Amino acid sequence: MYAHRALAVVALLSIAISSAWAEEQTVVVEVNYLINAVSESGCNFVRNGKEHTSSEAVDHLQMKARRGKRYYDTADEFIDRIASKSSWSGKPYQIQCDGQPAVTAADWFTRVLTEYRANSEEA
């Protein structure tokens, strides 16, 4: 009887750990997708009033993602807490793509993440 309970506890713990690991991997994949989308966009990233290339933006976002990991558990929180505004000034980041008006990074990242998730569900 005791062995069956122990086995059940081990099975439940395994499921919980697997689920937590899968969620963590989803966050990593989605955040990396967002950062890669900046790289592939060729858009300028406006931070504290200064324009940066997409390559510079990627470097900055990767650094913030690494250093700020304790502040987000989901890609949505990454957008809200890390990728959308300056932690120094509080000013929102903007993304400026050729021939289009600048948009807030929050709006741009949210659109990209929504499209990614929709395409992932279809696959």
PDB file of N, CA and C in Angstrom:
ATOM      1  N   MET A   1       0.815  -1.193   0.000  1.00  0.00           N
ATOM      2  CA  MET A   1       0.000   0.000   0.000  1.00  0.00           C
ATOM      3  C   MET A   1       0.866   1.267   0.000  1.00  0.00           C
ATOM      4  N   TYR A   2       1.883   1.255   0.889  1.00  0.00           N
ATOM      5  CA  TYR A   2       2.776   2.401   0.974  1.00  0.00           C
ATOM      6  C   TYR A   2       3.513   2.606  -0.357  1.00  0.00           C
ATOM      7  N   ALA A   3       3.918   1.519  -0.976  1.00  0.00           N
ATOM      8  CA  ALA A   3       4.630   1.604  -2.251  1.00  0.00           C
ATOM      9  C   ALA A   3       3.753   2.220  -3.338  1.00  0.00           C
ATOM     10  N   HIS A   4       2.446   1.898  -3.338  1.00  0.00           N
ATOM     11  CA  HIS A   4       1.534   2.476  -4.331  1.00  0.00           C
ATOM     12  C   HIS A   4       1.382   3.975  -4.119  1.00  0.00           C
ATOM     13  N   ARG A   5       1.300   4.398  -2.870  1.00  0.00           N
ATOM     14  CA  ARG A   5       1.197   5.844  -2.580  1.00  0.00           C
ATOM     15  C   ARG A   5       2.470   6.564  -2.992  1.00  0.00           C
ATOM     16  N   ALA A   6       3.599   5.970  -2.660  1.00  0.00           N
ATOM     17  CA  ALA A   6       4.869   6.581  -3.035  1.00  0.00           C
ATOM     18  C   ALA A   6       4.983   6.686  -4.554  1.00  0.00           C
ATOM     19  N   LEU A   7       4.587   5.645  -5.236  1.00  0.00           N
ATOM     20  CA  LEU A   7       4.619   5.655  -6.691  1.00  0.00           C
ATOM     21  C   LEU A   7       3.686   6.728  -7.249  1.00  0.00           C
ATOM     22  N   ALA A   8       2.516   6.863  -6.649  1.00  0.00           N
ATOM     23  CA  ALA A   8       1.565   7.896  -7.086  1.00  0.00           C
ATOM     24  C   ALA A   8       2.140   9.288  -6.872  1.00  0.00           C
ATOM     25  N   VAL A   9       2.783   9.503  -5.732  1.00  0.00           N
ATOM     26  CA  VAL A   9       3.396  10.803  -5.447  1.00  0.00           C
ATOM     27  C   VAL A   9       4.503  11.091  -6.459  1.00  0.00           C
ATOM     28  N   VAL A  10       5.335  10.118  -6.738  1.00  0.00           N
ATOM     29  CA  VAL A  10       6.408  10.285  -7.714  1.00  0.00           C
ATOM     30  C   VAL A  10       5.828  10.599  -9.095  1.00  0.00           C
ATOM     31  N   ALA A  11       4.778   9.908  -9.470  1.00  0.00           N
ATOM     32  CA  ALA A  11       4.139  10.151 -10.770  1.00  0.00           C
ATOM     33  C   ALA A  11       3.589  11.571 -10.848  1.00  0.00           C
ATOM     34  N   LEU A  12       2.919  12.026  -9.790  1.00  0.00           N
ATOM     35  CA  LEU A  12       2.369  13.387  -9.773  1.00  0.00           C
ATOM     36  C   LEU A  12       3.477  14.430  -9.818  1.00  0.00           C
ATOM     37  N   LEU A  13       4.543  14.200  -9.079  1.00  0.00           N
ATOM     38  CA  LEU A  13       5.672  15.132  -9.113  1.00  0.00           C
ATOM     39  C   LEU A  13       6.300  15.179 -10.496  1.00  0.00           C
ATOM     40  N   SER A  14       6.415  14.047 -11.135  1.00  0.00           N
ATOM     41  CA  SER A  14       6.978  13.997 -12.491  1.00  0.00           C
ATOM     42  C   SER A  14       6.126  14.794 -13.463  1.00  0.00           C
ATOM     43  N   ILE A  15       4.825  14.652 -13.339  1.00  0.00           N
ATOM     44  CA  ILE A  15       3.917  15.403 -14.211  1.00  0.00           C
ATOM     45  C   ILE A  15       4.055  16.899 -13.956  1.00  0.00           C
ATOM     46  N   ALA A  16       4.099  17.287 -12.672  1.00  0.00           N
ATOM     47  CA  ALA A  16       4.228  18.709 -12.327  1.00  0.00           C
ATOM     48  C   ALA A  16       5.542  19.279 -12.842  1.00  0.00           C
ATOM     49  N   ILE A  17       6.630  18.536 -12.672  1.00  0.00           N
ATOM     50  CA  ILE A  17       7.936  19.005 -13.140  1.00  0.00           C
ATOM     51  C   ILE A  17       7.951  19.094 -14.659  1.00  0.00           C
ATOM     52  N   SER A  18       7.388  18.109 -15.332  1.00  0.00           N
ATOM     53  CA  SER A  18       7.333  18.131 -16.795  1.00  0.00           C
ATOM     54  C   SER A  18       6.529  19.319 -17.293  1.00  0.00           C
ATOM     55  N   SER A  19       5.424  19.596 -16.624  1.00  0.00           N
ATOM     56  CA  SER A  19       4.580  20.722 -17.009  1.00  0.00           C
ATOM     57  C   SER A  19       5.314  22.043 -16.813  1.00  0.00           C
ATOM     58  N   ALA A  20       5.995  22.192 -15.681  1.00  0.00           N
ATOM     59  CA  ALA A  20       6.747  23.422 -15.416  1.00  0.00           C
ATOM     60  C   ALA A  20       7.869  23.588 -16.424  1.00  0.00           C
ATOM     61  N   TRP A  21       8.555  22.494 -16.759  1.00  0.00           N
ATOM     62  CA  TRP A  21       9.631  22.553 -17.737  1.00  0.00           C
ATOM     63  C   TRP A  21       9.091  22.964 -19.104  1.00  0.00           C
ATOM     64  N   ALA A  22       7.952  22.401 -19.488  1.00  0.00           N
ATOM     65  CA  ALA A  22       7.345  22.732 -20.784  1.00  0.00           C
ATOM     66  C   ALA A  22       6.954  24.202 -20.837  1.00  0.00           C
ATOM     67  N   GLU A  23       6.395  24.716 -19.750  1.00  0.00           N
ATOM     68  CA  GLU A  23       6.022  26.137 -19.699  1.00  0.00           C
ATOM     69  C   GLU A  23       7.256  27.016 -19.819  1.00  0.00           C
ATOM     70  N   GLU A  24       8.334  26.658 -19.126  1.00  0.00           N
ATOM     71  CA  GLU A  24       9.579  27.425 -19.192  1.00  0.00           C
ATOM     72  C   GLU A  24      10.117  27.415 -20.614  1.00  0.00           C
ATOM     73  N   GLN A  25      10.074  26.277 -21.277  1.00  0.00           N
ATOM     74  CA  GLN A  25      10.563  26.182 -22.648  1.00  0.00           C
ATOM     75  C   GLN A  25       9.717  27.033 -23.595  1.00  0.00           C
ATOM     76  N   THR A  26       8.414  27.086 -23.358  1.00  0.00           N
ATOM     77  CA  THR A  26       7.534  27.925 -24.172  1.00  0.00           C
ATOM     78  C   THR A  26       7.933  29.387 -24.041  1.00  0.00           C
ATOM     79  N   VAL A  27       8.208  29.821 -22.825  1.00  0.00           N
ATOM     80  CA  VAL A  27       8.620  31.216 -22.601  1.00  0.00           C
ATOM     81  C   VAL A  27       9.926  31.498 -23.340  1.00  0.00           C
ATOM     82  N   VAL A  28      10.882  30.611 -23.219  1.00  0.00           N
ATOM     83  CA  VAL A  28      12.174  30.805 -23.886  1.00  0.00           C
ATOM     84  C   VAL A  28      11.985  30.882 -25.403  1.00  0.00           C
ATOM     85  N   VAL A  29      11.210  29.981 -25.953  1.00  0.00           N
ATOM     86  CA  VAL A  29      10.971  29.967 -27.398  1.00  0.00           C
ATOM     87  C   VAL A  29      10.272  31.254 -27.837  1.00  0.00           C
ATOM     88  N   GLU A  30       9.234  31.664 -27.109  1.00  0.00           N
ATOM     89  CA  GLU A  30       8.488  32.865 -27.506  1.00  0.00           C
ATOM     90  C   GLU A  30       9.328  34.133 -27.364  1.00  0.00           C
ATOM     91  N   VAL A  31      10.077  34.269 -26.295  1.00  0.00           N
ATOM     92  CA  VAL A  31      10.924  35.460 -26.118  1.00  0.00           C
ATOM     93  C   VAL A  31      11.998  35.495 -27.201  1.00  0.00           C
ATOM     94  N   ASN A  32      12.609  34.359 -27.474  1.00  0.00           N
ATOM     95  CA  ASN A  32      13.606  34.318 -28.556  1.00  0.00           C
ATOM     96  C   ASN A  32      12.982  34.656 -29.902  1.00  0.00           C
ATOM     97  N   TYR A  33      11.755  34.201 -30.117  1.00  0.00           N
ATOM     98  CA  TYR A  33      11.053  34.530 -31.358  1.00  0.00           C
ATOM     99  C   TYR A  33      10.856  36.047 -31.477  1.00  0.00           C
ATOM    100  N   LEU A  34      10.442  36.679 -30.385  1.00  0.00           N
ATOM    101  CA  LEU A  34      10.228  38.128 -30.395  1.00  0.00           C
ATOM    102  C   LEU A  34      11.515  38.879 -30.708  1.00  0.00           C
ATOM    103  N   ILE A  35      12.597  38.479 -30.052  1.00  0.00           N
ATOM    104  CA  ILE A  35      13.872  39.146 -30.286  1.00  0.00           C
ATOM    105  C   ILE A  35      14.340  38.909 -31.719  1.00  0.00           C
ATOM    106  N   ASN A  36      14.170  37.709 -32.221  1.00  0.00           N
ATOM    107  CA  ASN A  36      14.544  37.400 -33.601  1.00  0.00           C
ATOM    108  C   ASN A  36      13.691  38.194 -34.594  1.00  0.00           C
ATOM    109  N   ALA A  37      12.427  38.424 -34.248  1.00  0.00           N
ATOM    110  CA  ALA A  37      11.553  39.209 -35.127  1.00  0.00           C
ATOM    111  C   ALA A  37      12.083  40.630 -35.292  1.00  0.00           C
ATOM    112  N   VAL A  38      12.656  41.191 -34.231  1.00  0.00           N
ATOM    113  CA  VAL A  38      13.271  42.522 -34.328  1.00  0.00           C
ATOM    114  C   VAL A  38      14.439  42.458 -35.303  1.00  0.00           C
ATOM    115  N   SER A  39      15.255  41.437 -35.167  1.00  0.00           N
ATOM    116  CA  SER A  39      16.419  41.279 -36.039  1.00  0.00           C
ATOM    117  C   SER A  39      16.013  41.193 -37.499  1.00  0.00           C
ATOM    118  N   GLU A  40      15.000  40.391 -37.784  1.00  0.00           N
ATOM    119  CA  GLU A  40      14.572  40.184 -39.160  1.00  0.00           C
ATOM    120  C   GLU A  40      13.770  41.350 -39.730  1.00  0.00           C
ATOM    121  N   SER A  41      13.244  42.198 -38.869  1.00  0.00           N
ATOM    122  CA  SER A  41      12.383  43.284 -39.332  1.00  0.00           C
ATOM    123  C   SER A  41      13.145  44.378 -40.063  1.00  0.00           C
ATOM    124  N   GLY A  42      14.390  44.597 -39.661  1.00  0.00           N
ATOM    125  CA  GLY A  42      15.148  45.705 -40.233  1.00  0.00           C
ATOM    126  C   GLY A  42      14.659  47.063 -39.757  1.00  0.00           C
ATOM    127  N   CYS A  43      13.727  47.067 -38.824  1.00  0.00           N
ATOM    128  CA  CYS A  43      13.173  48.319 -38.302  1.00  0.00           C
ATOM    129  C   CYS A  43      14.141  48.952 -37.306  1.00  0.00           C
ATOM    130  N   ASN A  44      14.004  50.255 -37.137  1.00  0.00           N
ATOM    131  CA  ASN A  44      14.776  50.953 -36.120  1.00  0.00           C
ATOM    132  C   ASN A  44      14.051  50.872 -34.786  1.00  0.00           C
ATOM    133  N   PHE A  45      14.819  50.855 -33.751  1.00  0.00           N
ATOM    134  CA  PHE A  45      14.324  50.739 -32.385  1.00  0.00           C
ATOM    135  C   PHE A  45      14.654  52.054 -31.701  1.00  0.00           C
ATOM    136  N   VAL A  46      13.650  52.781 -31.253  1.00  0.00           N
ATOM    137  CA  VAL A  46      13.869  54.084 -30.637  1.00  0.00           C
ATOM    138  C   VAL A  46      13.799  53.912 -29.128  1.00  0.00           C
ATOM    139  N   ARG A  47      14.937  54.202 -28.505  1.00  0.00           N
ATOM    140  CA  ARG A  47      15.067  54.017 -27.063  1.00  0.00           C
ATOM    141  C   ARG A  47      15.574  55.322 -26.463  1.00  0.00           C
ATOM    142  N   ASN A  48      14.767  55.876 -25.548  1.00  0.00           N
ATOM    143  CA  ASN A  48      15.097  57.155 -24.895  1.00  0.00           C
ATOM    144  C   ASN A  48      15.413  58.251 -25.912  1.00  0.00           C
ATOM    145  N   GLY A  49      14.611  58.270 -26.988  1.00  0.00           N
ATOM    146  CA  GLY A  49      14.727  59.315 -27.994  1.00  0.00           C
ATOM    147  C   GLY A  49      15.817  59.100 -29.019  1.00  0.00           C
ATOM    148  N   LYS A  50      16.591  58.031 -28.915  1.00  0.00           N
ATOM    149  CA  LYS A  50      17.684  57.777 -29.850  1.00  0.00           C
ATOM    150  C   LYS A  50      17.382  56.532 -30.672  1.00  0.00           C
ATOM    151  N   GLU A  51      17.581  56.637 -32.000  1.00  0.00           N
ATOM    152  CA  GLU A  51      17.340  55.502 -32.884  1.00  0.00           C
ATOM    153  C   GLU A  51      18.505  54.524 -32.835  1.00  0.00           C
ATOM    154  N   HIS A  52      18.146  53.246 -32.842  1.00  0.00           N
ATOM    155  CA  HIS A  52      19.131  52.170 -32.871  1.00  0.00           C
ATOM    156  C   HIS A  52      18.750  51.205 -33.983  1.00  0.00           C
ATOM    157  N   THR A  53      19.742  50.580 -34.578  1.00  0.00           N
ATOM    158  CA  THR A  53      19.469  49.589 -35.621  1.00  0.00           C
ATOM    159  C   THR A  53      18.817  48.365 -34.987  1.00  0.00           C
ATOM    160  N   SER A  54      18.254  47.521 -35.842  1.00  0.00           N
ATOM    161  CA  SER A  54      17.645  46.300 -35.322  1.00  0.00           C
ATOM    162  C   SER A  54      18.701  45.420 -34.647  1.00  0.00           C
ATOM    163  N   SER A  55      19.916  45.428 -35.170  1.00  0.00           N
ATOM    164  CA  SER A  55      21.001  44.647 -34.570  1.00  0.00           C
ATOM    165  C   SER A  55      21.338  45.158 -33.165  1.00  0.00           C
ATOM    166  N   GLU A  56      21.401  46.467 -33.020  1.00  0.00           N
ATOM    167  CA  GLU A  56      21.650  47.059 -31.696  1.00  0.00           C
ATOM    168  C   GLU A  56      20.497  46.754 -30.750  1.00  0.00           C
ATOM    169  N   ALA A  57      19.285  46.783 -31.285  1.00  0.00           N
ATOM    170  CA  ALA A  57      18.112  46.485 -30.463  1.00  0.00           C
ATOM    171  C   ALA A  57      18.152  45.043 -29.971  1.00  0.00           C
ATOM    172  N   VAL A  58      18.562  44.130 -30.832  1.00  0.00           N
ATOM    173  CA  VAL A  58      18.660  42.722 -30.443  1.00  0.00           C
ATOM    174  C   VAL A  58      19.646  42.566 -29.293  1.00  0.00           C
ATOM    175  N   ASP A  59      20.811  43.190 -29.418  1.00  0.00           N
ATOM    176  CA  ASP A  59      21.806  43.110 -28.341  1.00  0.00           C
ATOM    177  C   ASP A  59      21.230  43.626 -27.029  1.00  0.00           C
ATOM    178  N   HIS A  60      20.541  44.745 -27.096  1.00  0.00           N
ATOM    179  CA  HIS A  60      19.963  45.358 -25.898  1.00  0.00           C
ATOM    180  C   HIS A  60      18.867  44.472 -25.301  1.00  0.00           C
ATOM    181  N   LEU A  61      17.997  43.948 -26.142  1.00  0.00           N
ATOM    182  CA  LEU A  61      16.904  43.103 -25.653  1.00  0.00           C
ATOM    183  C   LEU A  61      17.423  41.786 -25.082  1.00  0.00           C
ATOM    184  N   GLN A  62      18.451  41.220 -25.690  1.00  0.00           N
ATOM    185  CA  GLN A  62      19.036  39.995 -25.141  1.00  0.00           C
ATOM    186  C   GLN A  62      19.628  40.251 -23.756  1.00  0.00           C
ATOM    187  N   MET A  63      20.301  41.371 -23.603  1.00  0.00           N
ATOM    188  CA  MET A  63      20.858  41.732 -22.304  1.00  0.00           C
ATOM    189  C   MET A  63      19.743  41.920 -21.275  1.00  0.00           C
ATOM    190  N   LYS A  64      18.690  42.631 -21.662  1.00  0.00           N
ATOM    191  CA  LYS A  64      17.577  42.851 -20.733  1.00  0.00           C
ATOM    192  C   LYS A  64      16.858  41.549 -20.395  1.00  0.00           C
ATOM    193  N   ALA A  65      16.715  40.673 -21.372  1.00  0.00           N
ATOM    194  CA  ALA A  65      16.064  39.383 -21.132  1.00  0.00           C
ATOM    195  C   ALA A  65      16.868  38.562 -20.123  1.00  0.00           C
ATOM    196  N   ARG A  66      18.194  38.567 -20.274  1.00  0.00           N
ATOM    197  CA  ARG A  66      19.066  37.829 -19.350  1.00  0.00           C
ATOM    198  C   ARG A  66      19.018  38.428 -17.949  1.00  0.00           C
ATOM    199  N   ARG A  67      19.242  39.719 -17.871  1.00  0.00           N
ATOM    200  CA  ARG A  67      19.319  40.382 -16.562  1.00  0.00           C
ATOM    201  C   ARG A  67      17.967  40.483 -15.873  1.00  0.00           C
ATOM    202  N   GLY A  68      16.909  40.551 -16.658  1.00  0.00           N
ATOM    203  CA  GLY A  68      15.583  40.752 -16.085  1.00  0.00           C
ATOM    204  C   GLY A  68      14.748  39.497 -15.961  1.00  0.00           C
ATOM    205  N   LYS A  69      15.359  38.336 -16.120  1.00  0.00           N
ATOM    206  CA  LYS A  69      14.614  37.072 -16.130  1.00  0.00           C
ATOM    207  C   LYS A  69      13.713  36.912 -14.909  1.00  0.00           C
ATOM    208  N   ARG A  70      14.135  37.408 -13.763  1.00  0.00           N
ATOM    209  CA  ARG A  70      13.319  37.238 -12.550  1.00  0.00           C
ATOM    210  C   ARG A  70      12.039  38.074 -12.587  1.00  0.00           C
ATOM    211  N   TYR A  71      11.925  38.978 -13.561  1.00  0.00           N
ATOM    212  CA  TYR A  71      10.759  39.858 -13.631  1.00  0.00           C
ATOM    213  C   TYR A  71       9.680  39.369 -14.594  1.00  0.00           C
ATOM    214  N   TYR A  72       9.922  38.253 -15.273  1.00  0.00           N
ATOM    215  CA  TYR A  72       8.889  37.746 -16.183  1.00  0.00           C
ATOM    216  C   TYR A  72       8.847  36.229 -16.174  1.00  0.00           C
ATOM    217  N   ASP A  73       7.633  35.708 -16.252  1.00  0.00           N
ATOM    218  CA  ASP A  73       7.405  34.264 -16.326  1.00  0.00           C
ATOM    219  C   ASP A  73       6.738  33.863 -17.630  1.00  0.00           C
ATOM    220  N   THR A  74       6.293  34.847 -18.404  1.00  0.00           N
ATOM    221  CA  THR A  74       5.638  34.585 -19.682  1.00  0.00           C
ATOM    222  C   THR A  74       6.169  35.582 -20.715  1.00  0.00           C
ATOM    223  N   ALA A  75       5.934  35.294 -21.976  1.00  0.00           N
ATOM    224  CA  ALA A  75       6.337  36.233 -23.031  1.00  0.00           C
ATOM    225  C   ALA A  75       5.542  37.531 -22.930  1.00  0.00           C
ATOM    226  N   ASP A  76       4.292  37.431 -22.477  1.00  0.00           N
ATOM    227  CA  ASP A  76       3.484  38.645 -22.305  1.00  0.00           C
ATOM    228  C   ASP A  76       4.093  39.550 -21.237  1.00  0.00           C
ATOM    229  N   GLU A  77       4.564  38.934 -20.155  1.00  0.00           N
ATOM    230  CA  GLU A  77       5.219  39.716 -19.095  1.00  0.00           C
ATOM    231  C   GLU A  77       6.553  40.269 -19.593  1.00  0.00           C
ATOM    232  N   PHE A  78       7.259  39.515 -20.433  1.00  0.00           N
ATOM    233  CA  PHE A  78       8.497  40.023 -21.030  1.00  0.00           C
ATOM    234  C   PHE A  78       8.205  41.298 -21.810  1.00  0.00           C
ATOM    235  N   ILE A  79       7.150  41.269 -22.595  1.00  0.00           N
ATOM    236  CA  ILE A  79       6.781  42.463 -23.367  1.00  0.00           C
ATOM    237  C   ILE A  79       6.472  43.616 -22.426  1.00  0.00           C
ATOM    238  N   ASP A  80       5.617  43.369 -21.462  1.00  0.00           N
ATOM    239  CA  ASP A  80       5.149  44.420 -20.561  1.00  0.00           C
ATOM    240  C   ASP A  80       6.252  44.965 -19.653  1.00  0.00           C
ATOM    241  N   ARG A  81       7.066  44.091 -19.118  1.00  0.00           N
ATOM    242  CA  ARG A  81       8.010  44.496 -18.076  1.00  0.00           C
ATOM    243  C   ARG A  81       9.440  44.741 -18.558  1.00  0.00           C
ATOM    244  N   ILE A  82       9.801  44.176 -19.702  1.00  0.00           N
ATOM    245  CA  ILE A  82      11.196  44.229 -20.140  1.00  0.00           C
ATOM    246  C   ILE A  82      11.366  44.933 -21.492  1.00  0.00           C
ATOM    247  N   ALA A  83      10.589  44.541 -22.483  1.00  0.00           N
ATOM    248  CA  ALA A  83      10.847  44.941 -23.871  1.00  0.00           C
ATOM    249  C   ALA A  83      10.132  46.206 -24.320  1.00  0.00           C
ATOM    250  N   SER A  84       9.290  46.789 -23.474  1.00  0.00           N
ATOM    251  CA  SER A  84       8.441  47.895 -23.927  1.00  0.00           C
ATOM    252  C   SER A  84       8.878  49.277 -23.493  1.00  0.00           C
ATOM    253  N   LYS A  85       9.706  49.333 -22.462  1.00  0.00           N
ATOM    254  CA  LYS A  85      10.082  50.655 -21.959  1.00  0.00           C
ATOM    255  C   LYS A  85      11.442  50.603 -21.291  1.00  0.00           C
ATOM    256  N   SER A  86      12.005  51.781 -21.148  1.00  0.00           N
ATOM    257  CA  SER A  86      13.296  51.908 -20.498  1.00  0.00           C
ATOM    258  C   SER A  86      13.143  51.711 -18.994  1.00  0.00           C
ATOM    259  N   SER A  87      13.946  50.836 -18.442  1.00  0.00           N
ATOM    260  CA  SER A  87      13.922  50.671 -16.989  1.00  0.00           C
ATOM    261  C   SER A  87      14.603  51.854 -16.316  1.00  0.00           C
ATOM    262  N   TRP A  88      15.367  52.583 -17.073  1.00  0.00           N
ATOM    263  CA  TRP A  88      16.069  53.745 -16.536  1.00  0.00           C
ATOM    264  C   TRP A  88      15.183  54.993 -16.517  1.00  0.00           C
ATOM    265  N   SER A  89      14.559  55.314 -17.655  1.00  0.00           N
ATOM    266  CA  SER A  89      13.762  56.540 -17.756  1.00  0.00           C
ATOM    267  C   SER A  89      12.259  56.301 -17.654  1.00  0.00           C
ATOM    268  N   GLY A  90      11.826  55.060 -17.903  1.00  0.00           N
ATOM    269  CA  GLY A  90      10.400  54.759 -17.930  1.00  0.00           C
ATOM    270  C   GLY A  90       9.733  55.101 -19.250  1.00  0.00           C
ATOM    271  N   LYS A  91      10.490  55.684 -20.179  1.00  0.00           N
ATOM    272  CA  LYS A  91       9.920  56.059 -21.478  1.00  0.00           C
ATOM    273  C   LYS A  91       9.648  54.817 -22.312  1.00  0.00           C
ATOM    274  N   PRO A  92       8.497  54.808 -22.997  1.00  0.00           N
ATOM    275  CA  PRO A  92       8.201  53.652 -23.854  1.00  0.00           C
ATOM    276  C   PRO A  92       9.133  53.610 -25.057  1.00  0.00           C
ATOM    277  N   TYR A  93       9.504  52.405 -25.445  1.00  0.00           N
ATOM    278  CA  TYR A  93      10.278  52.200 -26.660  1.00  0.00           C
ATOM    279  C   TYR A  93       9.328  52.304 -27.849  1.00  0.00           C
ATOM    280  N   GLN A  94       9.885  52.715 -28.984  1.00  0.00           N
ATOM    281  CA  GLN A  94       9.140  52.799 -30.234  1.00  0.00           C
ATOM    282  C   GLN A  94       9.854  51.944 -31.282  1.00  0.00           C
ATOM    283  N   ILE A  95       9.077  51.446 -32.226  1.00  0.00           N
ATOM    284  CA  ILE A  95       9.654  50.723 -33.357  1.00  0.00           C
ATOM    285  C   ILE A  95       9.222  51.443 -34.626  1.00  0.00           C
ATOM    286  N   GLN A  96      10.223  51.808 -35.425  1.00  0.00           N
ATOM    287  CA  GLN A  96      10.001  52.569 -36.648  1.00  0.00           C
ATOM    288  C   GLN A  96      10.451  51.747 -37.846  1.00  0.00           C
ATOM    289  N   CYS A  97       9.480  51.308 -38.635  1.00  0.00           N
ATOM    290  CA  CYS A  97       9.781  50.543 -39.848  1.00  0.00           C
ATOM    291  C   CYS A  97       9.645  51.466 -41.056  1.00  0.00           C
ATOM    292  N   ASP A  98      10.415  51.198 -42.089  1.00  0.00           N
ATOM    293  CA  ASP A  98      10.414  52.044 -43.284  1.00  0.00           C
ATOM    294  C   ASP A  98       9.007  52.274 -43.818  1.00  0.00           C
ATOM    295  N   GLY A  99       8.690  53.540 -44.070  1.00  0.00           N
ATOM    296  CA  GLY A  99       7.427  53.894 -44.705  1.00  0.00           C
ATOM    297  C   GLY A  99       6.209  53.757 -43.813  1.00  0.00           C
ATOM    298  N   GLN A 100       6.411  53.514 -42.533  1.00  0.00           N
ATOM    299  CA  GLN A 100       5.284  53.362 -41.616  1.00  0.00           C
ATOM    300  C   GLN A 100       5.477  54.265 -40.407  1.00  0.00           C
ATOM    301  N   PRO A 101       4.382  54.683 -39.807  1.00  0.00           N
ATOM    302  CA  PRO A 101       4.538  55.483 -38.596  1.00  0.00           C
ATOM    303  C   PRO A 101       5.104  54.626 -37.456  1.00  0.00           C
ATOM    304  N   ALA A 102       5.818  55.270 -36.559  1.00  0.00           N
ATOM    305  CA  ALA A 102       6.363  54.562 -35.396  1.00  0.00           C
ATOM    306  C   ALA A 102       5.213  54.045 -34.537  1.00  0.00           C
ATOM    307  N   VAL A 103       5.432  52.881 -33.946  1.00  0.00           N
ATOM    308  CA  VAL A 103       4.458  52.301 -33.021  1.00  0.00           C
ATOM    309  C   VAL A 103       5.181  51.980 -31.725  1.00  0.00           C
ATOM    310  N   THR A 104       4.421  51.864 -30.652  1.00  0.00           N
ATOM    311  CA  THR A 104       5.074  51.492 -29.402  1.00  0.00           C
ATOM    312  C   THR A 104       5.597  50.064 -29.522  1.00  0.00           C
ATOM    313  N   ALA A 105       6.694  49.813 -28.851  1.00  0.00           N
ATOM    314  CA  ALA A 105       7.246  48.456 -28.858  1.00  0.00           C
ATOM    315  C   ALA A 105       6.235  47.478 -28.274  1.00  0.00           C
ATOM    316  N   ALA A 106       5.480  47.923 -27.275  1.00  0.00           N
ATOM    317  CA  ALA A 106       4.472  47.042 -26.670  1.00  0.00           C
ATOM    318  C   ALA A 106       3.469  46.582 -27.725  1.00  0.00           C
ATOM    319  N   ASP A 107       2.966  47.509 -28.534  1.00  0.00           N
ATOM    320  CA  ASP A 107       2.004  47.146 -29.575  1.00  0.00           C
ATOM    321  C   ASP A 107       2.646  46.243 -30.630  1.00  0.00           C
ATOM    322  N   TRP A 108       3.863  46.583 -31.033  1.00  0.00           N
ATOM    323  CA  TRP A 108       4.555  45.815 -32.068  1.00  0.00           C
ATOM    324  C   TRP A 108       4.807  44.389 -31.597  1.00  0.00           C
ATOM    325  N   PHE A 109       5.371  44.234 -30.389  1.00  0.00           N
ATOM    326  CA  PHE A 109       5.661  42.902 -29.855  1.00  0.00           C
ATOM    327  C   PHE A 109       4.387  42.095 -29.619  1.00  0.00           C
ATOM    328  N   THR A 110       3.348  42.753 -29.132  1.00  0.00           N
ATOM    329  CA  THR A 110       2.083  42.053 -28.890  1.00  0.00           C
ATOM    330  C   THR A 110       1.513  41.511 -30.192  1.00  0.00           C
ATOM    331  N   ARG A 111       1.566  42.309 -31.262  1.00  0.00           N
ATOM    332  CA  ARG A 111       1.092  41.854 -32.576  1.00  0.00           C
ATOM    333  C   ARG A 111       1.908  40.666 -33.060  1.00  0.00           C
ATOM    334  N   VAL A 112       3.231  40.753 -32.947  1.00  0.00           N
ATOM    335  CA  VAL A 112       4.108  39.669 -33.395  1.00  0.00           C
ATOM    336  C   VAL A 112       3.829  38.393 -32.596  1.00  0.00           C
ATOM    337  N   LEU A 113       3.673  38.517 -31.280  1.00  0.00           N
ATOM    338  CA  LEU A 113       3.415  37.349 -30.440  1.00  0.00           C
ATOM    339  C   LEU A 113       2.053  36.737 -30.754  1.00  0.00           C
ATOM    340  N   THR A 114       1.049  37.565 -30.971  1.00  0.00           N
ATOM    341  CA  THR A 114      -0.287  37.077 -31.309  1.00  0.00           C
ATOM    342  C   THR A 114      -0.251  36.299 -32.616  1.00  0.00           C
ATOM    343  N   GLU A 115       0.446  36.834 -33.617  1.00  0.00           N
ATOM    344  CA  GLU A 115       0.571  36.142 -34.902  1.00  0.00           C
ATOM    345  C   GLU A 115       1.337  34.827 -34.743  1.00  0.00           C
ATOM    346  N   TYR A 116       2.397  34.850 -33.961  1.00  0.00           N
ATOM    347  CA  TYR A 116       3.180  33.628 -33.728  1.00  0.00           C
ATOM    348  C   TYR A 116       2.319  32.540 -33.092  1.00  0.00           C
ATOM    349  N   ARG A 117       1.580  32.924 -32.056  1.00  0.00           N
ATOM    350  CA  ARG A 117       0.739  31.939 -31.373  1.00  0.00           C
ATOM    351  C   ARG A 117      -0.358  31.410 -32.282  1.00  0.00           C
ATOM    352  N   ALA A 118      -0.950  32.279 -33.094  1.00  0.00           N
ATOM    353  CA  ALA A 118      -1.993  31.840 -34.019  1.00  0.00           C
ATOM    354  C   ALA A 118      -1.426  30.845 -35.036  1.00  0.00           C
ATOM    355  N   ASN A 119      -0.232  31.147 -35.557  1.00  0.00           N
ATOM    356  CA  ASN A 119       0.399  30.245 -36.522  1.00  0.00           C
ATOM    357  C   ASN A 119       0.826  28.933 -35.865  1.00  0.00           C
ATOM    358  N   SER A 120       1.232  28.982 -34.594  1.00  0.00           N
ATOM    359  CA  SER A 120       1.640  27.779 -33.873  1.00  0.00           C
ATOM    360  C   SER A 120       0.457  26.858 -33.628  1.00  0.00           C
ATOM    361  N   GLU A 121      -0.700  27.451 -33.363  1.00  0.00           N
ATOM    362  CA  GLU A 121      -1.904  26.652 -33.123  1.00  0.00           C
ATOM    363  C   GLU A 121      -2.379  25.971 -34.384  1.00  0.00           C
ATOM    364  N   GLU A 122      -2.157  26.607 -35.530  1.00  0.00           N
ATOM    365  CA  GLU A 122      -2.588  26.040 -36.807  1.00  0.00           C
ATOM    366  C   GLU A 122      -1.711  24.860 -37.223  1.00  0.00           C
ATOM    367  N   ALA A 123      -0.469  24.890 -36.773  1.00  0.00           N
ATOM    368  CA  ALA A 123       0.495  23.850 -37.204  1.00  0.00           C
ATOM    369  C   ALA A 123       0.228  22.509 -36.567  1.00  0.00           C
TER     370      ALA A 123
END
